[in-house]
């Protein structure tokens, strides 16, 4: 694992298109969310940073999913990291209770189009699909006990930063400034 910050794509950038398969075999596209805000999250199954925030991602899906389009994208190389493959993604949806599509970017083209760098990496677009927030979910991070073992002694994820951005977008207000890069495992490029 290499701790990697998000690239902080320029605000105002239009949301790149995508058409990706979800864990149920459906194709999910950006156009399905036309006219409403869209949250694109790059996550995976094995990253301790994603595991740390996964309960909060499920809560966000439940609380905001009716008002905001939410899509989680897995872009890691599944040959080198089979725990991030389609069957394991399906298990992750059931385990976590995700109510949003979890899709596979097998050729990694979507991650490249979004300039995604790490898992988790968050991109919030307004109803016109212009980027208004990119960065961290909140300021909590998992605490490494030993190789492969982490705990939440530094705090449970609460989504404070991303929630503030979501609330602002939904209220028609400017998204708070001072956006901080997300930190996590680097995307496992082919």
Foldseek 3Di string as FASTA:
>chain_A
DDKDWAPCPDFQDFQDWDWFQFLVRHTDIPVVLAQAKEKEWEAFDQWQQCVLCLLVQQVCCVPCVVRYAYEYEYEAACVVVVCRDSVNNNVSCVVSVHPHTYGYPNQNPSCVVVSGWFPTWMFMAANNRTTQATAAQDPFGWDDPDVSDTHRPSHGRDSVQVVQQSVCRVVVHRRDDPHHTHITHTRHHD
